[in-house]
Amino acid sequence: SVIARNIHDLSNRRDKLFVNVNCAALPGELVESELFGHEKGAFTGATAQRKGRFELADGGTLFLDEAGELTAGAQAKLLRVLQDQEFERVGGIQTLKVNVRLIAATNRDLARMVKEGIFRADLYYRLNVFPIRLPSLRERPDDIPLLARHFLNKFAKKMGKTIHDLSPKACEQLLRYPWPGNIRELQNVIERATILTRGSLLEIGNALETHLEDQDMTGIPEQEPLGSLEAMERAYILKVLERTLWVVEGTQGAAAILDLNPSTLRSRMQKLNIRKPKPVA
């Protein structure tokens, strides 16, 4: 969700809502209602009309986390929204138009799920236009302190605490731990550590104790960083530029696809050292 939020914040949609939906956390029978809303009386308990996440995200960005968990019915409706940018609320007959940037993420192997008939092939190809593989945390240790500080700022503000930074010992502990649960596990550990910390520097303390008891930390090999947040942003912009044959401006240019001003895109290209390759003689 951090990557998706950064894409939103760098786009022309940043003044509109960023709506985050964890599909795995939604009961199967409520997925369509959550995404597309419902009319009063659409089902037992629907005592009033309710807007869905797509309506709330109109003009902005909708992030579907764990998209591989969507039900067959939700997959069909999602495909229609992506194709036609329209849908009806559950129990409704009025067709609603939306303009939403959709970003989806999953830990599942969607290609295999397509072969097994669990996930729609047409939806898979719609979602798989600009895929970004997010390496595990242990593959990109340089990002661990960055993400830890992001979560620290978030939770310290939420809890009304003044914690300026990670302690050196906390940094060491975070870098040594293998993070089998990836970013969600890191977020949970930082939240717990924020609750327990009493000083101005975050101390991990026993927030990792349960995990560390099950790990032989001395036996964890050094991991070579395969990517970083900037590296993934660079790869994403490069894919769009290659698809547009390095055309930045215009309705079909890279800036329009990325929802960026051309000047903003050029600034990002310069910062990320993205240059148009020279033609082969």
Foldseek 3Di string as FASTA:
>chain_A
DVLQLVLQCQFLLVVADEAEDELVPDPQVCSLCQAAWAADPLDPPRNHTDGHPQVRQFSGEYEYEAVLNHAPVVLVQVLCCLVPQWDAHRVGDDIDHGDYHYAYYHPDDVVVCCVVVNHPPSSVVSNVPQDFDDDFCLQAVVCQQVLLVVLLVVLCVVVVHAAPGADPVRSVVSSLDRPPVGSVLSSQQSNVQSVVDDDNHGDSPCSCVVVVVVDPSVPDDRHHHPAHSLRRVVSRLVSLCVVLVNAQDDCSHSSVVSNHDSVSSVVSCVVSVPDDDDDDD
